Amino acid sequence: MPATDTLETVRQIMEDVLNIDDLSISPETTAKDVKGWDSLRHVRLVMTIERKFKIKFKNSEIEGLMNVGDLVRAIDAKLA
């Protein structure tokens, strides 16, 4: 899946999990940039992404994700 497709899918998942309409994100977006993206919703976001893409992250991988771009690259690496 091209990174742009992965980013769009992640954006759609974030809209649903964070309950935000028309969410605008970029690879540089962090949790601090998005209202309502707290630790509890972060867990739900990761779980939803794992289900959608049929992948599983290790805790150490999740801890290393600093922004949306890192997340998209991690997803694409697991799908490769």
Protein backbone atom coordinates (compact mmCIF):
# COMPACT_ATOMS: atom_id res chain seq x y z
CA MET A 1 0.00 0.00 0.00
CA PRO A 2 1.50 3.38 -0.92
CA ALA A 3 2.31 5.64 2.05
CA THR A 4 -0.30 8.17 0.89
CA ASP A 5 -2.99 5.48 1.05
CA THR A 6 -1.78 4.39 4.48
CA LEU A 7 -1.81 7.99 5.70
CA GLU A 8 -5.38 8.45 4.46
CA THR A 9 -6.53 5.23 6.13
CA VAL A 10 -4.84 6.29 9.39
CA ARG A 11 -6.55 9.70 9.11
CA GLN A 12 -9.95 8.03 8.71
CA ILE A 13 -9.29 5.77 11.70
CA MET A 14 -8.19 8.77 13.76
CA GLU A 15 -11.36 10.65 12.84
CA ASP A 16 -13.43 7.73 14.11
CA VAL A 17 -11.44 6.96 17.26
CA LEU A 18 -10.94 10.60 18.25
CA ASN A 19 -14.44 11.59 17.14
CA ILE A 20 -13.21 14.48 14.97
CA ASP A 21 -14.80 15.39 11.64
CA ASP A 22 -12.55 16.50 8.78
CA LEU A 23 -9.31 15.86 10.66
CA SER A 24 -6.28 17.26 8.89
CA ILE A 25 -2.99 15.47 9.59
CA SER A 26 0.48 15.28 8.07
CA PRO A 27 3.43 12.96 8.70
CA GLU A 28 4.69 15.52 11.24
CA THR A 29 1.46 15.50 13.30
CA THR A 30 1.88 14.43 16.94
CA ALA A 31 -0.60 13.70 19.72
CA LYS A 32 0.01 17.21 21.07
CA ASP A 33 -1.33 18.62 17.79
CA VAL A 34 -4.70 16.84 17.98
CA LYS A 35 -7.31 17.74 20.57
CA GLY A 36 -8.55 14.67 22.41
CA TRP A 37 -5.59 12.43 21.53
CA ASP A 38 -4.82 11.29 25.06
CA SER A 39 -3.20 8.10 26.33
CA LEU A 40 -6.47 6.17 26.50
CA ARG A 41 -7.46 7.05 22.96
CA HIS A 42 -3.91 6.31 21.84
CA VAL A 43 -4.33 2.71 22.99
CA ARG A 44 -7.67 2.48 21.18
CA LEU A 45 -6.12 4.04 18.08
CA VAL A 46 -3.29 1.49 18.00
CA MET A 47 -5.69 -1.41 18.55
CA THR A 48 -7.98 -0.19 15.75
CA ILE A 49 -5.02 0.22 13.38
CA GLU A 50 -3.79 -3.28 14.22
CA ARG A 51 -7.22 -4.73 13.44
CA LYS A 52 -7.68 -2.74 10.22
CA PHE A 53 -4.26 -3.61 8.78
CA LYS A 54 -4.13 -7.12 10.35
CA ILE A 55 -0.77 -6.38 12.00
CA LYS A 56 0.57 -6.40 15.56
CA PHE A 57 2.96 -3.92 17.16
CA LYS A 58 5.36 -4.74 19.99
CA ASN A 59 5.31 -2.34 22.91
CA SER A 60 8.83 -1.20 22.02
CA GLU A 61 7.65 -0.32 18.50
CA ILE A 62 4.73 1.72 19.83
CA GLU A 63 7.02 3.60 22.22
CA GLY A 64 9.25 4.58 19.29
CA LEU A 65 6.44 6.26 17.34
CA MET A 66 6.93 10.01 17.63
CA ASN A 67 4.50 11.23 14.96
CA VAL A 68 2.00 10.08 12.35
CA GLY A 69 4.79 9.63 9.79
CA ASP A 70 6.54 7.14 12.08
CA LEU A 71 3.25 5.28 12.44
CA VAL A 72 2.66 5.16 8.67
CA ARG A 73 6.23 3.90 8.06
CA ALA A 74 5.80 1.23 10.75
CA ILE A 75 2.53 0.06 9.20
CA ASP A 76 4.03 -0.05 5.71
CA ALA A 77 7.07 -1.97 6.98
CA LYS A 78 4.85 -4.60 8.55
CA LEU A 79 2.79 -4.89 5.37
CA ALA A 80 5.87 -5.27 3.15
